[in-house]
Amino acid sequence: MSTGTQQGQQERPGGDHTNAPDRKVDLLPVGHGNSPAAWTCVGVMALGVVVACLAFVFANVPFFVVGVVIIVVGLLAGWFLRRAGYGVGGDKIKSHHA
């Protein structure tokens, strides 16, 4: 053990202690966003990515812009649904997991 480490902590290559087991942040639940708001957001944004990618391949700028607009609409749809109670822990969904 080197002189720069705390007691009970193993030294990591490069001196990186950001993932040390004693960090309180690591104990918080992550949550996977499994909610109607998250699925809607991701689904609409995925459609926008497909449109934008196809437009990029075919060098079609107007359709590329449409794809980017669809991505922004998906982000806004997810935000509005979360605010309306359809997000994780929202009052409009049956499963209240965190």
PDB file of N, CA and C in Angstrom:
ATOM      1  N   MET A   1       0.853  -1.169   0.000  1.00  0.00           N
ATOM      2  CA  MET A   1       0.000   0.000   0.000  1.00  0.00           C
ATOM      3  C   MET A   1       0.895   1.227   0.000  1.00  0.00           C
ATOM      4  N   SER A   2       0.569   2.218  -0.819  1.00  0.00           N
ATOM      5  CA  SER A   2       1.405   3.406  -0.885  1.00  0.00           C
ATOM      6  C   SER A   2       0.970   4.424   0.163  1.00  0.00           C
ATOM      7  N   THR A   3       1.731   5.485   0.280  1.00  0.00           N
ATOM      8  CA  THR A   3       1.477   6.470   1.338  1.00  0.00           C
ATOM      9  C   THR A   3       0.303   7.377   1.031  1.00  0.00           C
ATOM     10  N   GLY A   4      -0.183   7.465  -0.198  1.00  0.00           N
ATOM     11  CA  GLY A   4      -1.241   8.401  -0.543  1.00  0.00           C
ATOM     12  C   GLY A   4      -2.646   7.827  -0.425  1.00  0.00           C
ATOM     13  N   THR A   5      -2.789   6.551  -0.039  1.00  0.00           N
ATOM     14  CA  THR A   5      -4.119   5.950   0.013  1.00  0.00           C
ATOM     15  C   THR A   5      -4.655   5.938   1.431  1.00  0.00           C
ATOM     16  N   GLN A   6      -5.980   5.881   1.540  1.00  0.00           N
ATOM     17  CA  GLN A   6      -6.620   5.809   2.849  1.00  0.00           C
ATOM     18  C   GLN A   6      -6.575   4.374   3.341  1.00  0.00           C
ATOM     19  N   GLN A   7      -6.804   4.205   4.634  1.00  0.00           N
ATOM     20  CA  GLN A   7      -6.768   2.872   5.211  1.00  0.00           C
ATOM     21  C   GLN A   7      -7.920   2.037   4.643  1.00  0.00           C
ATOM     22  N   GLY A   8      -7.655   0.814   4.219  1.00  0.00           N
ATOM     23  CA  GLY A   8      -8.656  -0.087   3.692  1.00  0.00           C
ATOM     24  C   GLY A   8      -8.935   0.113   2.215  1.00  0.00           C
ATOM     25  N   GLN A   9      -8.235   1.003   1.569  1.00  0.00           N
ATOM     26  CA  GLN A   9      -8.457   1.273   0.156  1.00  0.00           C
ATOM     27  C   GLN A   9      -7.270   0.752  -0.635  1.00  0.00           C
ATOM     28  N   GLN A  10      -7.543   0.016  -1.697  1.00  0.00           N
ATOM     29  CA  GLN A  10      -6.463  -0.480  -2.526  1.00  0.00           C
ATOM     30  C   GLN A  10      -6.077   0.588  -3.527  1.00  0.00           C
ATOM     31  N   GLU A  11      -4.811   0.619  -3.860  1.00  0.00           N
ATOM     32  CA  GLU A  11      -4.363   1.586  -4.846  1.00  0.00           C
ATOM     33  C   GLU A  11      -4.759   1.124  -6.235  1.00  0.00           C
ATOM     34  N   ARG A  12      -5.267   2.035  -7.014  1.00  0.00           N
ATOM     35  CA  ARG A  12      -5.692   1.741  -8.372  1.00  0.00           C
ATOM     36  C   ARG A  12      -4.661   2.306  -9.340  1.00  0.00           C
ATOM     37  N   PRO A  13      -4.555   1.698 -10.505  1.00  0.00           N
ATOM     38  CA  PRO A  13      -3.598   2.219 -11.489  1.00  0.00           C
ATOM     39  C   PRO A  13      -3.913   3.676 -11.819  1.00  0.00           C
ATOM     40  N   GLY A  14      -2.919   4.500 -11.843  1.00  0.00           N
ATOM     41  CA  GLY A  14      -3.101   5.912 -12.152  1.00  0.00           C
ATOM     42  C   GLY A  14      -3.579   6.736 -10.981  1.00  0.00           C
ATOM     43  N   GLY A  15      -3.766   6.125  -9.820  1.00  0.00           N
ATOM     44  CA  GLY A  15      -4.204   6.868  -8.644  1.00  0.00           C
ATOM     45  C   GLY A  15      -5.661   7.303  -8.712  1.00  0.00           C
ATOM     46  N   ASP A  16      -6.492   6.635  -9.479  1.00  0.00           N
ATOM     47  CA  ASP A  16      -7.899   7.018  -9.634  1.00  0.00           C
ATOM     48  C   ASP A  16      -8.716   6.449  -8.481  1.00  0.00           C
ATOM     49  N   HIS A  17      -9.270   7.340  -7.667  1.00  0.00           N
ATOM     50  CA  HIS A  17     -10.085   6.908  -6.535  1.00  0.00           C
ATOM     51  C   HIS A  17     -11.542   7.300  -6.726  1.00  0.00           C
ATOM     52  N   THR A  18     -11.956   7.577  -7.957  1.00  0.00           N
ATOM     53  CA  THR A  18     -13.328   8.016  -8.194  1.00  0.00           C
ATOM     54  C   THR A  18     -14.334   6.901  -7.987  1.00  0.00           C
ATOM     55  N   ASN A  19     -13.945   5.657  -8.116  1.00  0.00           N
ATOM     56  CA  ASN A  19     -14.858   4.539  -7.905  1.00  0.00           C
ATOM     57  C   ASN A  19     -14.541   3.787  -6.623  1.00  0.00           C
ATOM     58  N   ALA A  20     -14.060   4.497  -5.634  1.00  0.00           N
ATOM     59  CA  ALA A  20     -13.732   3.878  -4.356  1.00  0.00           C
ATOM     60  C   ALA A  20     -15.002   3.345  -3.703  1.00  0.00           C
ATOM     61  N   PRO A  21     -14.929   2.198  -3.026  1.00  0.00           N
ATOM     62  CA  PRO A  21     -16.126   1.599  -2.431  1.00  0.00           C
ATOM     63  C   PRO A  21     -16.730   2.423  -1.301  1.00  0.00           C
ATOM     64  N   ASP A  22     -16.006   3.370  -0.740  1.00  0.00           N
ATOM     65  CA  ASP A  22     -16.552   4.134   0.379  1.00  0.00           C
ATOM     66  C   ASP A  22     -17.279   5.400  -0.065  1.00  0.00           C
ATOM     67  N   ARG A  23     -17.467   5.588  -1.351  1.00  0.00           N
ATOM     68  CA  ARG A  23     -18.171   6.779  -1.832  1.00  0.00           C
ATOM     69  C   ARG A  23     -19.663   6.630  -1.616  1.00  0.00           C
ATOM     70  N   LYS A  24     -20.301   7.651  -1.050  1.00  0.00           N
ATOM     71  CA  LYS A  24     -21.740   7.620  -0.776  1.00  0.00           C
ATOM     72  C   LYS A  24     -22.562   7.649  -2.075  1.00  0.00           C
ATOM     73  N   VAL A  25     -22.062   8.291  -3.113  1.00  0.00           N
ATOM     74  CA  VAL A  25     -22.792   8.404  -4.370  1.00  0.00           C
ATOM     75  C   VAL A  25     -23.042   7.027  -4.971  1.00  0.00           C
ATOM     76  N   ASP A  26     -22.124   6.109  -4.798  1.00  0.00           N
ATOM     77  CA  ASP A  26     -22.267   4.784  -5.374  1.00  0.00           C
ATOM     78  C   ASP A  26     -23.390   3.984  -4.723  1.00  0.00           C
ATOM     79  N   LEU A  27     -23.872   4.393  -3.561  1.00  0.00           N
ATOM     80  CA  LEU A  27     -24.914   3.664  -2.869  1.00  0.00           C
ATOM     81  C   LEU A  27     -26.313   4.097  -3.291  1.00  0.00           C
ATOM     82  N   LEU A  28     -26.432   5.185  -4.026  1.00  0.00           N
ATOM     83  CA  LEU A  28     -27.732   5.658  -4.465  1.00  0.00           C
ATOM     84  C   LEU A  28     -28.260   4.775  -5.586  1.00  0.00           C
ATOM     85  N   PRO A  29     -29.577   4.521  -5.599  1.00  0.00           N
ATOM     86  CA  PRO A  29     -30.116   3.709  -6.692  1.00  0.00           C
ATOM     87  C   PRO A  29     -30.017   4.448  -8.017  1.00  0.00           C
ATOM     88  N   VAL A  30     -29.642   3.726  -9.059  1.00  0.00           N
ATOM     89  CA  VAL A  30     -29.437   4.339 -10.360  1.00  0.00           C
ATOM     90  C   VAL A  30     -30.769   4.594 -11.050  1.00  0.00           C
ATOM     91  N   GLY A  31     -31.658   3.619 -11.073  1.00  0.00           N
ATOM     92  CA  GLY A  31     -32.918   3.751 -11.795  1.00  0.00           C
ATOM     93  C   GLY A  31     -32.659   3.645 -13.287  1.00  0.00           C
ATOM     94  N   HIS A  32     -33.454   2.882 -13.962  1.00  0.00           N
ATOM     95  CA  HIS A  32     -33.218   2.651 -15.377  1.00  0.00           C
ATOM     96  C   HIS A  32     -34.185   3.405 -16.265  1.00  0.00           C
ATOM     97  N   GLY A  33     -35.059   4.219 -15.686  1.00  0.00           N
ATOM     98  CA  GLY A  33     -35.969   5.006 -16.495  1.00  0.00           C
ATOM     99  C   GLY A  33     -37.003   4.168 -17.214  1.00  0.00           C
ATOM    100  N   ASN A  34     -37.382   3.037 -16.632  1.00  0.00           N
ATOM    101  CA  ASN A  34     -38.359   2.159 -17.257  1.00  0.00           C
ATOM    102  C   ASN A  34     -39.756   2.717 -17.008  1.00  0.00           C
ATOM    103  N   SER A  35     -40.169   3.666 -17.861  1.00  0.00           N
ATOM    104  CA  SER A  35     -41.459   4.322 -17.704  1.00  0.00           C
ATOM    105  C   SER A  35     -42.003   4.677 -19.089  1.00  0.00           C
ATOM    106  N   PRO A  36     -43.307   4.957 -19.179  1.00  0.00           N
ATOM    107  CA  PRO A  36     -43.856   5.375 -20.474  1.00  0.00           C
ATOM    108  C   PRO A  36     -43.174   6.624 -21.021  1.00  0.00           C
ATOM    109  N   ALA A  37     -42.817   7.551 -20.165  1.00  0.00           N
ATOM    110  CA  ALA A  37     -42.148   8.774 -20.622  1.00  0.00           C
ATOM    111  C   ALA A  37     -40.793   8.446 -21.245  1.00  0.00           C
ATOM    112  N   ALA A  38     -40.027   7.593 -20.591  1.00  0.00           N
ATOM    113  CA  ALA A  38     -38.700   7.240 -21.096  1.00  0.00           C
ATOM    114  C   ALA A  38     -38.789   6.451 -22.396  1.00  0.00           C
ATOM    115  N   TRP A  39     -39.704   5.485 -22.452  1.00  0.00           N
ATOM    116  CA  TRP A  39     -39.834   4.682 -23.669  1.00  0.00           C
ATOM    117  C   TRP A  39     -40.310   5.526 -24.842  1.00  0.00           C
ATOM    118  N   THR A  40     -41.229   6.451 -24.600  1.00  0.00           N
ATOM    119  CA  THR A  40     -41.681   7.336 -25.673  1.00  0.00           C
ATOM    120  C   THR A  40     -40.539   8.206 -26.164  1.00  0.00           C
ATOM    121  N   CYS A  41     -39.797   8.785 -25.228  1.00  0.00           N
ATOM    122  CA  CYS A  41     -38.662   9.641 -25.569  1.00  0.00           C
ATOM    123  C   CYS A  41     -37.654   8.874 -26.424  1.00  0.00           C
ATOM    124  N   VAL A  42     -37.268   7.707 -25.981  1.00  0.00           N
ATOM    125  CA  VAL A  42     -36.251   6.925 -26.684  1.00  0.00           C
ATOM    126  C   VAL A  42     -36.773   6.431 -28.036  1.00  0.00           C
ATOM    127  N   GLY A  43     -38.027   6.014 -28.091  1.00  0.00           N
ATOM    128  CA  GLY A  43     -38.586   5.525 -29.350  1.00  0.00           C
ATOM    129  C   GLY A  43     -38.662   6.599 -30.420  1.00  0.00           C
ATOM    130  N   VAL A  44     -39.169   7.772 -30.047  1.00  0.00           N
ATOM    131  CA  VAL A  44     -39.275   8.862 -31.020  1.00  0.00           C
ATOM    132  C   VAL A  44     -37.880   9.337 -31.436  1.00  0.00           C
ATOM    133  N   MET A  45     -36.972   9.436 -30.481  1.00  0.00           N
ATOM    134  CA  MET A  45     -35.617   9.870 -30.810  1.00  0.00           C
ATOM    135  C   MET A  45     -34.910   8.845 -31.703  1.00  0.00           C
ATOM    136  N   ALA A  46     -35.156   7.561 -31.487  1.00  0.00           N
ATOM    137  CA  ALA A  46     -34.551   6.529 -32.343  1.00  0.00           C
ATOM    138  C   ALA A  46     -35.066   6.664 -33.778  1.00  0.00           C
ATOM    139  N   LEU A  47     -36.356   6.948 -33.925  1.00  0.00           N
ATOM    140  CA  LEU A  47     -36.899   7.187 -35.263  1.00  0.00           C
ATOM    141  C   LEU A  47     -36.215   8.391 -35.910  1.00  0.00           C
ATOM    142  N   GLY A  48     -36.008   9.440 -35.142  1.00  0.00           N
ATOM    143  CA  GLY A  48     -35.316  10.621 -35.666  1.00  0.00           C
ATOM    144  C   GLY A  48     -33.888  10.316 -36.086  1.00  0.00           C
ATOM    145  N   VAL A  49     -33.210   9.479 -35.332  1.00  0.00           N
ATOM    146  CA  VAL A  49     -31.835   9.103 -35.681  1.00  0.00           C
ATOM    147  C   VAL A  49     -31.815   8.308 -36.990  1.00  0.00           C
ATOM    148  N   VAL A  50     -32.776   7.399 -37.151  1.00  0.00           N
ATOM    149  CA  VAL A  50     -32.842   6.617 -38.392  1.00  0.00           C
ATOM    150  C   VAL A  50     -33.085   7.540 -39.586  1.00  0.00           C
ATOM    151  N   VAL A  51     -34.032   8.471 -39.449  1.00  0.00           N
ATOM    152  CA  VAL A  51     -34.314   9.409 -40.539  1.00  0.00           C
ATOM    153  C   VAL A  51     -33.072  10.245 -40.851  1.00  0.00           C
ATOM    154  N   ALA A  52     -32.424  10.772 -39.813  1.00  0.00           N
ATOM    155  CA  ALA A  52     -31.243  11.616 -40.031  1.00  0.00           C
ATOM    156  C   ALA A  52     -30.098  10.815 -40.650  1.00  0.00           C
ATOM    157  N   CYS A  53     -29.919   9.574 -40.221  1.00  0.00           N
ATOM    158  CA  CYS A  53     -28.843   8.745 -40.795  1.00  0.00           C
ATOM    159  C   CYS A  53     -29.096   8.437 -42.269  1.00  0.00           C
ATOM    160  N   LEU A  54     -30.333   8.079 -42.591  1.00  0.00           N
ATOM    161  CA  LEU A  54     -30.648   7.813 -44.002  1.00  0.00           C
ATOM    162  C   LEU A  54     -30.476   9.076 -44.848  1.00  0.00           C
ATOM    163  N   ALA A  55     -30.900  10.212 -44.313  1.00  0.00           N
ATOM    164  CA  ALA A  55     -30.734  11.467 -45.042  1.00  0.00           C
ATOM    165  C   ALA A  55     -29.256  11.795 -45.232  1.00  0.00           C
ATOM    166  N   PHE A  56     -28.443  11.490 -44.240  1.00  0.00           N
ATOM    167  CA  PHE A  56     -27.006  11.729 -44.350  1.00  0.00           C
ATOM    168  C   PHE A  56     -26.395  10.853 -45.439  1.00  0.00           C
ATOM    169  N   VAL A  57     -26.793   9.588 -45.468  1.00  0.00           N
ATOM    170  CA  VAL A  57     -26.253   8.660 -46.461  1.00  0.00           C
ATOM    171  C   VAL A  57     -26.628   9.102 -47.873  1.00  0.00           C
ATOM    172  N   PHE A  58     -27.861   9.578 -48.041  1.00  0.00           N
ATOM    173  CA  PHE A  58     -28.326   9.997 -49.365  1.00  0.00           C
ATOM    174  C   PHE A  58     -28.086  11.480 -49.632  1.00  0.00           C
ATOM    175  N   ALA A  59     -27.355  12.148 -48.755  1.00  0.00           N
ATOM    176  CA  ALA A  59     -26.990  13.564 -48.896  1.00  0.00           C
ATOM    177  C   ALA A  59     -28.211  14.448 -49.141  1.00  0.00           C
ATOM    178  N   ASN A  60     -29.224  14.258 -48.301  1.00  0.00           N
ATOM    179  CA  ASN A  60     -30.462  15.012 -48.426  1.00  0.00           C
ATOM    180  C   ASN A  60     -30.615  15.900 -47.193  1.00  0.00           C
ATOM    181  N   VAL A  61     -30.261  17.163 -47.330  1.00  0.00           N
ATOM    182  CA  VAL A  61     -30.244  18.085 -46.192  1.00  0.00           C
ATOM    183  C   VAL A  61     -31.635  18.308 -45.598  1.00  0.00           C
ATOM    184  N   PRO A  62     -32.698  18.510 -46.401  1.00  0.00           N
ATOM    185  CA  PRO A  62     -34.016  18.728 -45.779  1.00  0.00           C
ATOM    186  C   PRO A  62     -34.473  17.559 -44.906  1.00  0.00           C
ATOM    187  N   PHE A  63     -34.246  16.328 -45.359  1.00  0.00           N
ATOM    188  CA  PHE A  63     -34.629  15.185 -44.543  1.00  0.00           C
ATOM    189  C   PHE A  63     -33.733  15.041 -43.318  1.00  0.00           C
ATOM    190  N   PHE A  64     -32.487  15.455 -43.424  1.00  0.00           N
ATOM    191  CA  PHE A  64     -31.612  15.449 -42.254  1.00  0.00           C
ATOM    192  C   PHE A  64     -32.154  16.404 -41.194  1.00  0.00           C
ATOM    193  N   VAL A  65     -32.593  17.571 -41.620  1.00  0.00           N
ATOM    194  CA  VAL A  65     -33.175  18.544 -40.686  1.00  0.00           C
ATOM    195  C   VAL A  65     -34.454  17.976 -40.069  1.00  0.00           C
ATOM    196  N   VAL A  66     -35.258  17.285 -40.864  1.00  0.00           N
ATOM    197  CA  VAL A  66     -36.469  16.643 -40.337  1.00  0.00           C
ATOM    198  C   VAL A  66     -36.093  15.623 -39.259  1.00  0.00           C
ATOM    199  N   GLY A  67     -35.037  14.842 -39.487  1.00  0.00           N
ATOM    200  CA  GLY A  67     -34.579  13.879 -38.480  1.00  0.00           C
ATOM    201  C   GLY A  67     -34.154  14.546 -37.197  1.00  0.00           C
ATOM    202  N   VAL A  68     -33.449  15.652 -37.307  1.00  0.00           N
ATOM    203  CA  VAL A  68     -33.019  16.386 -36.112  1.00  0.00           C
ATOM    204  C   VAL A  68     -34.230  16.957 -35.374  1.00  0.00           C
ATOM    205  N   VAL A  69     -35.208  17.460 -36.119  1.00  0.00           N
ATOM    206  CA  VAL A  69     -36.433  17.978 -35.494  1.00  0.00           C
ATOM    207  C   VAL A  69     -37.178  16.853 -34.773  1.00  0.00           C
ATOM    208  N   ILE A  70     -37.235  15.661 -35.371  1.00  0.00           N
ATOM    209  CA  ILE A  70     -37.882  14.518 -34.716  1.00  0.00           C
ATOM    210  C   ILE A  70     -37.162  14.175 -33.410  1.00  0.00           C
ATOM    211  N   ILE A  71     -35.848  14.255 -33.392  1.00  0.00           N
ATOM    212  CA  ILE A  71     -35.082  13.984 -32.174  1.00  0.00           C
ATOM    213  C   ILE A  71     -35.458  14.991 -31.082  1.00  0.00           C
ATOM    214  N   VAL A  72     -35.557  16.253 -31.445  1.00  0.00           N
ATOM    215  CA  VAL A  72     -35.925  17.287 -30.464  1.00  0.00           C
ATOM    216  C   VAL A  72     -37.354  17.075 -29.982  1.00  0.00           C
ATOM    217  N   VAL A  73     -38.266  16.697 -30.885  1.00  0.00           N
ATOM    218  CA  VAL A  73     -39.656  16.422 -30.500  1.00  0.00           C
ATOM    219  C   VAL A  73     -39.705  15.252 -29.518  1.00  0.00           C
ATOM    220  N   GLY A  74     -38.894  14.220 -29.734  1.00  0.00           N
ATOM    221  CA  GLY A  74     -38.843  13.089 -28.805  1.00  0.00           C
ATOM    222  C   GLY A  74     -38.356  13.496 -27.431  1.00  0.00           C
ATOM    223  N   LEU A  75     -37.357  14.360 -27.398  1.00  0.00           N
ATOM    224  CA  LEU A  75     -36.852  14.851 -26.115  1.00  0.00           C
ATOM    225  C   LEU A  75     -37.928  15.644 -25.386  1.00  0.00           C
ATOM    226  N   LEU A  76     -38.618  16.503 -26.108  1.00  0.00           N
ATOM    227  CA  LEU A  76     -39.692  17.297 -25.493  1.00  0.00           C
ATOM    228  C   LEU A  76     -40.870  16.422 -25.061  1.00  0.00           C
ATOM    229  N   ALA A  77     -41.202  15.406 -25.856  1.00  0.00           N
ATOM    230  CA  ALA A  77     -42.297  14.503 -25.497  1.00  0.00           C
ATOM    231  C   ALA A  77     -41.982  13.768 -24.198  1.00  0.00           C
ATOM    232  N   GLY A  78     -40.763  13.286 -24.060  1.00  0.00           N
ATOM    233  CA  GLY A  78     -40.375  12.620 -22.818  1.00  0.00           C
ATOM    234  C   GLY A  78     -40.426  13.551 -21.632  1.00  0.00           C
ATOM    235  N   TRP A  79     -39.992  14.786 -21.820  1.00  0.00           N
ATOM    236  CA  TRP A  79     -40.007  15.767 -20.727  1.00  0.00           C
ATOM    237  C   TRP A  79     -41.442  16.080 -20.312  1.00  0.00           C
ATOM    238  N   PHE A  80     -42.329  16.314 -21.314  1.00  0.00           N
ATOM    239  CA  PHE A  80     -43.725  16.631 -20.987  1.00  0.00           C
ATOM    240  C   PHE A  80     -44.428  15.447 -20.324  1.00  0.00           C
ATOM    241  N   LEU A  81     -44.170  14.232 -20.791  1.00  0.00           N
ATOM    242  CA  LEU A  81     -44.782  13.055 -20.171  1.00  0.00           C
ATOM    243  C   LEU A  81     -44.293  12.863 -18.736  1.00  0.00           C
ATOM    244  N   ARG A  82     -43.015  13.125 -18.500  1.00  0.00           N
ATOM    245  CA  ARG A  82     -42.496  13.023 -17.133  1.00  0.00           C
ATOM    246  C   ARG A  82     -43.166  14.042 -16.229  1.00  0.00           C
ATOM    247  N   ARG A  83     -43.297  15.275 -16.733  1.00  0.00           N
ATOM    248  CA  ARG A  83     -43.957  16.327 -15.957  1.00  0.00           C
ATOM    249  C   ARG A  83     -45.433  16.012 -15.720  1.00  0.00           C
ATOM    250  N   ALA A  84     -46.054  15.257 -16.631  1.00  0.00           N
ATOM    251  CA  ALA A  84     -47.466  14.902 -16.506  1.00  0.00           C
ATOM    252  C   ALA A  84     -47.686  13.701 -15.579  1.00  0.00           C
ATOM    253  N   GLY A  85     -46.611  13.104 -15.070  1.00  0.00           N
ATOM    254  CA  GLY A  85     -46.745  12.002 -14.124  1.00  0.00           C
ATOM    255  C   GLY A  85     -46.509  10.629 -14.707  1.00  0.00           C
ATOM    256  N   TYR A  86     -45.991  10.547 -15.919  1.00  0.00           N
ATOM    257  CA  TYR A  86     -45.738   9.257 -16.545  1.00  0.00           C
ATOM    258  C   TYR A  86     -44.270   8.840 -16.468  1.00  0.00           C
ATOM    259  N   GLY A  87     -43.470   9.518 -15.662  1.00  0.00           N
ATOM    260  CA  GLY A  87     -42.072   9.155 -15.474  1.00  0.00           C
ATOM    261  C   GLY A  87     -41.920   8.162 -14.330  1.00  0.00           C
ATOM    262  N   VAL A  88     -40.685   7.789 -14.028  1.00  0.00           N
ATOM    263  CA  VAL A  88     -40.417   6.869 -12.930  1.00  0.00           C
ATOM    264  C   VAL A  88     -40.905   7.499 -11.632  1.00  0.00           C
ATOM    265  N   GLY A  89     -41.748   6.776 -10.916  1.00  0.00           N
ATOM    266  CA  GLY A  89     -42.297   7.273  -9.658  1.00  0.00           C
ATOM    267  C   GLY A  89     -43.448   8.247  -9.849  1.00  0.00           C
ATOM    268  N   GLY A  90     -43.912   8.412 -11.073  1.00  0.00           N
ATOM    269  CA  GLY A  90     -45.003   9.331 -11.352  1.00  0.00           C
ATOM    270  C   GLY A  90     -46.339   8.814 -10.819  1.00  0.00           C
ATOM    271  N   ASP A  91     -47.286   9.724 -10.618  1.00  0.00           N
ATOM    272  CA  ASP A  91     -48.560   9.341 -10.042  1.00  0.00           C
ATOM    273  C   ASP A  91     -49.534   8.726 -11.055  1.00  0.00           C
ATOM    274  N   LYS A  92     -49.200   8.711 -12.328  1.00  0.00           N
ATOM    275  CA  LYS A  92     -50.095   8.163 -13.352  1.00  0.00           C
ATOM    276  C   LYS A  92     -49.744   6.732 -13.747  1.00  0.00           C
ATOM    277  N   ILE A  93     -48.676   6.182 -13.232  1.00  0.00           N
ATOM    278  CA  ILE A  93     -48.305   4.818 -13.596  1.00  0.00           C
ATOM    279  C   ILE A  93     -48.454   3.916 -12.392  1.00  0.00           C
ATOM    280  N   LYS A  94     -48.689   2.640 -12.658  1.00  0.00           N
ATOM    281  CA  LYS A  94     -48.937   1.681 -11.567  1.00  0.00           C
ATOM    282  C   LYS A  94     -47.664   1.299 -10.834  1.00  0.00           C
ATOM    283  N   SER A  95     -46.578   1.065 -11.561  1.00  0.00           N
ATOM    284  CA  SER A  95     -45.319   0.638 -10.957  1.00  0.00           C
ATOM    285  C   SER A  95     -44.553   1.838 -10.451  1.00  0.00           C
ATOM    286  N   HIS A  96     -44.344   1.920  -9.152  1.00  0.00           N
ATOM    287  CA  HIS A  96     -43.623   3.063  -8.559  1.00  0.00           C
ATOM    288  C   HIS A  96     -42.228   2.643  -8.103  1.00  0.00           C
ATOM    289  N   HIS A  97     -41.485   2.003  -9.008  1.00  0.00           N
ATOM    290  CA  HIS A  97     -40.116   1.618  -8.664  1.00  0.00           C
ATOM    291  C   HIS A  97     -39.210   2.819  -8.913  1.00  0.00           C
ATOM    292  N   ALA A  98     -38.095   2.831  -8.192  1.00  0.00           N
ATOM    293  CA  ALA A  98     -37.160   3.963  -8.335  1.00  0.00           C
ATOM    294  C   ALA A  98     -35.912   3.540  -9.036  1.00  0.00           C
TER     295      ALA A  98
END
